[in-house]
Structures are given as C-alpha cells and as structure tokens.
Amino acid sequence: MTSWWRPLLVLSCSGALAGSAMAPMQPDPALTPGDVLTTDAAVICKPGYTKTVRNVPQALKEQVYREYGVHSRAPGEYEVDHLISLELGGSNSLRNLWPQSYLTEPLNAHVKDALENRLHDLACAGKLSFPEAQQAIASNWEEAYVKYVGPLPGGAKPGRHPNQPVIPPTHVPTLPPGATPDTEHPTLNVPILPGLPVAAPPLPADPSFAPDSEPDMVPPSAEPAESAPVSTEPTPPDAQGGCPALAPVKVSRTGIYHLPLGDANYAATRAVACFPDGPSAEAAGYRGAR
C-alpha cells in the first residue's frame, strides 16, 4: 500500500539539500472530513462562481498548518487546499481545508487539480451529480482519480490515511477472466459510470474558473496567528423557510441549526435564519442538532 505520507526533498538552486519534510498525500478525516456549501448545479456551473465564494484568510491557513504539524515551509511549497473544491460546491470551512504540497512526486496538488476539473466538467455536463462528485473526492481523492481520470502519474497506487475507514463496495462487478479483485482498495471495484472510459482523456480547459487554490507564498509567522473572525450576521430565509446556496445552514424556531448534509431533519426544517456554516451559527448563539 502506498503510504499516506511521502518524503519531500527541497533542493536549493545549487543542488544542495536545503531541507526535508513529510507532506501528507491524504487529509486526516478527523481534521478534514470535507464540508459542502451547495450541491446546486445551476449555481456551481455558473461562470465565475468560485471567485464569488473563495474566502480563506491567511489566519485560517495558519491554523490549518498548525493542525497538520507543518511548522516550517518555503513560499510556494504548499497550498491550503479545499478537499471538496469550490468548483465542486465545497466550502471554506476549516473542516474542508488541508495543506497539500506542490512539490511531492509523482502525486501533488497539480494532480488533484486535474481530478477536480474532470469532476466539475462531468457534473456540469449532467453525467455525474454533484453529491456523487463531492463524496468521491472526499472519500479518497487518489481512488477517485483512478476511477474518473485514469492511472495515477508515475505508476503510483492509491493510498489511504490510517484514520480513513474502508468503504465497502455497493456492487462488485463480474471481473474478466484471469482478473482478481482489488482487496486493498475495495472502492475501486465499484463500476464507473456507464459510458465513461476508465482512462478518460483530459477535457479542454474551461477559462470560466481558476484552479482550486494558489500556492501559499506567505512564509509561516513567528507567532501563532489569531483565529479568523467568524461572522455572526444571519442571512434571512425565503418565504418558504429555505436558505440560499451561500448560506445553506438552517436555524429552526427552537434555536437549533441544521446542516445540509448528514442531518435527517434538514429538508423538513423551516428556517428562521441562515448561515454559511456551523461555526457561524454557533458564534451567533445557536447549537447544532444532536
């Protein structure tokens, strides 16, 4: 099995070893389970959408680095990546952020960007739902790359974080003669969508959206940065008690907030206030559903 940590060597211009670190290839599900802002294709597929929602202050980036134990880094070495990218409806929540290296080989942030673009194109073309795309990339982005793009670069095999649960396959197809099941990565046994080739050719670049993130060119601060301020201003719901895509968290009349994913009462809740995420609702004095 490929390790979820891979060594990263950073060389100076003269070729001498300048330093070494260990860069995570998979986010820790305990720290970064993923978080969604919207699943509405009409919103996500609108040109320029990601520019309207991107908001990760440097203070929040520093918090991400600290949680992952990245205490030193070179400018441009990492990006603070959205596990579920903005172009797939992901949020700017701390639960959706992790440090990903640009310099590790063969897997790095550029490789994950290619997967994000592929899933975005499939979902906007109606060949994949956004909830399916969000689940795929949040579960294991390397396995999702194999399923929707093709073999990983450099002959790499999908890794798995030690905290990541193994997802049992919902259906194991009949394998061709002589083939054996992949017991190490069971989610790869789930058949790909009908009509999609295993090694799909790259789609043309869409100029309407930028890559999920940019290299973090800010060096680490000597002192821990202050936590990013959390907005406590609610967004009013519509006449039916629904919340807009940019503030999907519903607050009920009893002061309980409900998240759009994983909350069985979300759809039935008539909101009296809306927030972009759980921390914003908590900062305003509301508590989460149990």
Protein backbone atom coordinates (compact mmCIF):
# COMPACT_ATOMS: atom_id res chain seq x y z
CA MET A 1 0.00 0.00 0.00
CA THR A 2 1.22 3.46 -0.80
CA SER A 3 1.88 5.48 2.35
CA TRP A 4 -0.33 8.45 3.16
CA TRP A 5 2.89 10.34 3.97
CA ARG A 6 5.57 10.71 1.33
CA PRO A 7 9.02 12.23 1.77
CA LEU A 8 9.56 15.66 0.25
CA LEU A 9 13.06 16.86 -0.58
CA VAL A 10 13.56 20.57 -1.22
CA LEU A 11 16.75 21.46 -3.09
CA SER A 12 18.44 24.83 -3.27
CA CYS A 13 19.42 26.39 -6.58
CA SER A 14 22.93 24.98 -6.20
CA GLY A 15 21.53 21.47 -5.91
CA ALA A 16 22.46 21.01 -2.27
CA LEU A 17 19.86 19.60 0.09
CA ALA A 18 18.16 22.54 1.73
CA GLY A 19 15.75 20.66 3.98
CA SER A 20 13.29 17.83 4.22
CA ALA A 21 9.73 17.40 5.43
CA MET A 22 6.89 14.92 5.27
CA ALA A 23 3.93 16.02 3.21
CA PRO A 24 0.50 14.38 3.66
CA MET A 25 -0.95 12.95 0.46
CA GLN A 26 -4.34 12.26 2.05
CA PRO A 27 -6.08 14.57 4.53
CA ASP A 28 -6.78 13.28 8.02
CA PRO A 29 -10.54 12.54 8.16
CA ALA A 30 -10.56 13.50 11.84
CA LEU A 31 -9.38 17.01 10.89
CA THR A 32 -10.70 17.34 7.34
CA PRO A 33 -13.80 15.24 6.67
CA GLY A 34 -14.94 17.68 3.98
CA ASP A 35 -17.69 20.29 4.03
CA VAL A 36 -20.16 21.40 1.37
CA LEU A 37 -21.58 24.83 0.62
CA THR A 38 -24.03 23.79 -2.11
CA THR A 39 -24.98 20.95 -4.45
CA ASP A 40 -26.93 23.17 -6.86
CA ALA A 41 -25.54 22.71 -10.37
CA ALA A 42 -27.22 25.91 -11.56
CA VAL A 43 -25.12 27.81 -9.01
CA ILE A 44 -21.84 25.90 -9.25
CA CYS A 45 -21.69 25.74 -13.06
CA LYS A 46 -22.23 29.48 -13.48
CA PRO A 47 -19.04 31.06 -14.91
CA GLY A 48 -17.03 32.85 -12.24
CA TYR A 49 -18.80 31.10 -9.34
CA THR A 50 -15.63 30.19 -7.40
CA LYS A 51 -14.46 33.81 -7.34
CA THR A 52 -17.65 34.80 -5.52
CA VAL A 53 -17.20 32.29 -2.68
CA ARG A 54 -13.42 31.94 -2.22
CA ASN A 55 -12.54 33.31 1.23
CA VAL A 56 -9.70 31.70 3.18
CA PRO A 57 -7.87 34.36 5.23
CA GLN A 58 -4.18 33.85 5.99
CA ALA A 59 -5.02 33.42 9.68
CA LEU A 60 -7.20 30.42 8.80
CA LYS A 61 -4.44 28.98 6.60
CA GLU A 62 -2.01 29.24 9.52
CA GLN A 63 -4.47 27.33 11.70
CA VAL A 64 -4.59 24.56 9.08
CA TYR A 65 -0.79 24.31 9.01
CA ARG A 66 -0.65 24.10 12.81
CA GLU A 67 -3.29 21.36 12.98
CA TYR A 68 -1.29 19.27 10.49
CA GLY A 69 2.05 19.90 12.21
CA VAL A 70 3.57 21.86 9.31
CA HIS A 71 5.80 24.20 11.32
CA SER A 72 8.09 25.35 8.52
CA ARG A 73 7.66 25.70 4.79
CA ALA A 74 9.08 27.53 1.80
CA PRO A 75 6.98 30.07 -0.12
CA GLY A 76 5.09 28.24 -2.85
CA GLU A 77 5.74 24.80 -1.33
CA TYR A 78 2.15 24.21 -0.22
CA GLU A 79 -1.38 25.29 -0.92
CA VAL A 80 -4.13 25.19 1.67
CA ASP A 81 -6.40 23.00 -0.42
CA HIS A 82 -10.17 22.59 -0.32
CA LEU A 83 -10.69 18.83 -0.02
CA ILE A 84 -14.04 19.26 -1.78
CA SER A 85 -13.02 22.01 -4.17
CA LEU A 86 -15.02 25.17 -4.60
CA GLU A 87 -15.74 24.21 -8.21
CA LEU A 88 -17.49 21.11 -6.81
CA GLY A 89 -19.55 23.06 -4.26
CA GLY A 90 -17.12 22.77 -1.33
CA SER A 91 -16.99 25.33 1.48
CA ASN A 92 -14.25 27.46 3.06
CA SER A 93 -14.80 25.75 6.42
CA LEU A 94 -11.83 24.54 8.45
CA ARG A 95 -13.35 21.05 8.08
CA ASN A 96 -12.69 21.25 4.34
CA LEU A 97 -9.08 22.53 4.37
CA TRP A 98 -5.72 20.73 4.48
CA PRO A 99 -2.12 21.50 3.41
CA GLN A 100 -1.16 19.86 0.11
CA SER A 101 2.29 20.05 -1.42
CA TYR A 102 3.07 21.25 -4.92
CA LEU A 103 6.49 19.59 -4.87
CA THR A 104 5.94 15.94 -3.99
CA GLU A 105 6.30 13.45 -6.83
CA PRO A 106 4.50 11.84 -8.52
CA LEU A 107 1.38 13.00 -6.63
CA ASN A 108 0.85 16.61 -5.66
CA ALA A 109 -1.67 19.45 -5.74
CA HIS A 110 -1.49 19.72 -9.54
CA VAL A 111 -2.64 16.10 -9.89
CA LYS A 112 -5.62 16.67 -7.59
CA ASP A 113 -6.48 19.83 -9.57
CA ALA A 114 -6.83 17.67 -12.70
CA LEU A 115 -9.34 15.45 -10.88
CA GLU A 116 -11.31 18.47 -9.65
CA ASN A 117 -11.57 19.84 -13.18
CA ARG A 118 -12.66 16.45 -14.52
CA LEU A 119 -15.40 16.03 -11.89
CA HIS A 120 -16.58 19.60 -12.45
CA ASP A 121 -16.90 19.01 -16.19
CA LEU A 122 -18.74 15.70 -15.71
CA ALA A 123 -21.18 17.17 -13.19
CA CYS A 124 -21.89 20.28 -15.25
CA ALA A 125 -22.46 18.05 -18.30
CA GLY A 126 -25.06 16.07 -16.35
CA LYS A 127 -23.02 12.85 -16.39
CA LEU A 128 -22.48 12.89 -12.62
CA SER A 129 -24.37 14.52 -9.76
CA PHE A 130 -22.55 17.00 -7.55
CA PRO A 131 -23.29 14.96 -4.39
CA GLU A 132 -21.61 11.97 -6.10
CA ALA A 133 -18.61 14.07 -7.09
CA GLN A 134 -18.32 15.54 -3.59
CA GLN A 135 -18.49 12.10 -1.96
CA ALA A 136 -15.92 10.64 -4.35
CA ILE A 137 -13.26 13.29 -3.78
CA ALA A 138 -13.88 13.50 -0.02
CA SER A 139 -13.68 9.71 0.44
CA ASN A 140 -10.30 9.24 -1.27
CA TRP A 141 -9.15 11.61 -3.98
CA GLU A 142 -6.49 9.23 -5.29
CA GLU A 143 -9.03 6.43 -5.83
CA ALA A 144 -11.41 8.94 -7.41
CA TYR A 145 -8.62 9.96 -9.83
CA VAL A 146 -8.21 6.35 -10.94
CA LYS A 147 -11.95 5.99 -11.42
CA TYR A 148 -12.70 9.21 -13.26
CA VAL A 149 -9.41 10.28 -14.89
CA GLY A 150 -7.17 7.23 -15.29
CA PRO A 151 -4.00 5.70 -13.79
CA LEU A 152 -2.14 7.87 -11.31
CA PRO A 153 1.05 9.50 -12.64
CA GLY A 154 4.32 7.64 -12.28
CA GLY A 155 2.65 4.30 -11.64
CA ALA A 156 1.55 5.41 -8.15
CA LYS A 157 -1.09 3.38 -6.32
CA PRO A 158 -3.89 4.99 -4.28
CA GLY A 159 -3.02 5.43 -0.62
CA ARG A 160 -5.28 5.52 2.40
CA HIS A 161 -4.97 7.55 5.59
CA PRO A 162 -4.81 5.31 8.69
CA ASN A 163 -7.86 7.12 10.11
CA GLN A 164 -9.83 6.60 6.93
CA PRO A 165 -12.50 3.88 7.09
CA VAL A 166 -12.61 1.33 4.30
CA ILE A 167 -15.82 1.89 2.35
CA PRO A 168 -17.41 -1.45 1.41
CA PRO A 169 -18.36 -1.67 -2.26
CA THR A 170 -22.06 -1.35 -3.01
CA HIS A 171 -21.67 -3.64 -6.01
CA VAL A 172 -18.80 -5.81 -7.20
CA PRO A 173 -18.98 -6.36 -10.96
CA THR A 174 -18.13 -9.59 -12.69
CA LEU A 175 -14.43 -9.49 -13.40
CA PRO A 176 -12.93 -10.54 -16.73
CA PRO A 177 -11.20 -13.96 -16.94
CA GLY A 178 -7.89 -14.05 -15.10
CA ALA A 179 -8.54 -10.79 -13.18
CA THR A 180 -8.52 -10.64 -9.39
CA PRO A 181 -10.44 -8.22 -7.14
CA ASP A 182 -8.58 -5.27 -5.63
CA THR A 183 -8.99 -6.15 -1.95
CA GLU A 184 -6.65 -3.37 -0.85
CA HIS A 185 -8.81 -0.62 -2.38
CA PRO A 186 -12.35 -2.04 -2.47
CA THR A 187 -13.97 1.20 -3.64
CA LEU A 188 -12.16 0.74 -6.95
CA ASN A 189 -14.28 -2.36 -7.59
CA VAL A 190 -17.40 -0.22 -7.95
CA PRO A 191 -18.04 0.13 -11.70
CA ILE A 192 -17.52 3.52 -13.27
CA LEU A 193 -20.47 5.42 -14.65
CA PRO A 194 -21.99 3.99 -17.83
CA GLY A 195 -20.40 5.41 -20.92
CA LEU A 196 -17.28 6.73 -19.17
CA PRO A 197 -13.93 5.21 -20.23
CA VAL A 198 -11.61 4.02 -17.48
CA ALA A 199 -8.85 6.31 -18.72
CA ALA A 200 -10.80 9.35 -19.79
CA PRO A 201 -8.99 11.86 -21.99
CA PRO A 202 -8.46 15.29 -20.42
CA LEU A 203 -11.17 17.80 -21.25
CA PRO A 204 -10.29 21.23 -22.65
CA ALA A 205 -9.53 23.84 -20.03
CA ASP A 206 -12.53 25.93 -19.03
CA PRO A 207 -11.48 29.58 -18.73
CA SER A 208 -14.51 30.40 -16.58
CA PHE A 209 -12.94 29.10 -13.38
CA ALA A 210 -9.48 29.13 -11.85
CA PRO A 211 -7.68 26.27 -10.09
CA ASP A 212 -8.99 25.45 -6.63
CA SER A 213 -6.24 27.39 -4.90
CA GLU A 214 -2.98 29.21 -5.42
CA PRO A 215 0.43 28.39 -3.91
CA ASP A 216 0.76 29.86 -0.44
CA MET A 217 3.55 32.41 -0.86
CA VAL A 218 3.32 33.72 2.71
CA PRO A 219 6.07 32.29 4.99
CA PRO A 220 5.00 30.98 8.40
CA SER A 221 4.65 33.66 11.03
CA ALA A 222 6.87 33.56 14.10
CA GLU A 223 3.88 33.81 16.43
CA PRO A 224 0.65 31.83 16.10
CA ALA A 225 -1.84 33.80 14.06
CA GLU A 226 -5.13 34.83 15.57
CA SER A 227 -8.15 32.77 14.62
CA ALA A 228 -10.08 34.01 11.63
CA PRO A 229 -13.10 36.09 12.64
CA VAL A 230 -16.41 34.28 12.27
CA SER A 231 -19.38 36.24 11.00
CA THR A 232 -22.45 36.15 13.26
CA GLU A 233 -24.75 38.03 10.88
CA PRO A 234 -27.56 35.73 9.67
CA THR A 235 -29.00 35.67 6.18
CA PRO A 236 -32.81 35.80 6.05
CA PRO A 237 -34.56 32.74 4.60
CA ASP A 238 -37.02 32.88 1.72
CA ALA A 239 -40.79 32.88 2.18
CA GLN A 240 -40.87 29.06 2.34
CA GLY A 241 -38.18 28.89 5.04
CA GLY A 242 -35.42 27.82 2.65
CA CYS A 243 -31.85 29.06 2.75
CA PRO A 244 -29.75 30.32 -0.19
CA ALA A 245 -26.77 28.37 -1.54
CA LEU A 246 -24.24 30.76 0.03
CA ALA A 247 -25.81 30.34 3.48
CA PRO A 248 -27.30 26.83 3.49
CA VAL A 249 -27.28 26.16 7.27
CA LYS A 250 -30.84 26.40 8.63
CA VAL A 251 -31.70 27.66 12.14
CA SER A 252 -35.09 26.49 13.42
CA ARG A 253 -37.50 28.33 15.72
CA THR A 254 -36.09 26.33 18.64
CA GLY A 255 -32.59 27.73 18.09
CA ILE A 256 -31.13 24.52 16.63
CA TYR A 257 -29.09 24.75 13.44
CA HIS A 258 -29.22 22.02 10.78
CA LEU A 259 -26.53 21.23 8.21
CA PRO A 260 -27.46 20.39 4.60
CA LEU A 261 -25.59 17.07 4.67
CA GLY A 262 -26.00 14.28 7.22
CA ASP A 263 -28.99 15.84 9.02
CA ALA A 264 -32.22 13.88 8.59
CA ASN A 265 -34.31 16.88 9.68
CA TYR A 266 -32.71 19.40 7.32
CA ALA A 267 -35.27 19.18 4.50
CA ALA A 268 -38.24 19.45 6.86
CA THR A 269 -36.84 22.40 8.82
CA ARG A 270 -38.39 25.79 8.12
CA ALA A 271 -35.56 28.24 8.73
CA VAL A 272 -35.85 31.49 10.67
CA ALA A 273 -32.19 32.36 9.93
CA CYS A 274 -29.47 31.09 7.59
CA PHE A 275 -25.68 30.87 8.00
CA PRO A 276 -22.81 29.86 5.70
CA ASP A 277 -21.57 27.14 8.08
CA GLY A 278 -21.92 25.63 11.54
CA PRO A 279 -19.22 27.76 13.28
CA SER A 280 -21.01 30.94 12.14
CA ALA A 281 -24.29 29.68 13.59
CA GLU A 282 -22.59 28.72 16.87
CA ALA A 283 -20.91 32.14 17.08
CA ALA A 284 -24.39 33.68 16.86
CA GLY A 285 -25.53 31.61 19.85
CA TYR A 286 -27.25 28.66 18.21
CA ARG A 287 -26.41 24.99 18.82
CA GLY A 288 -26.19 22.05 16.48
CA ALA A 289 -28.64 19.21 16.15
CA ARG A 290 -27.82 16.07 18.13
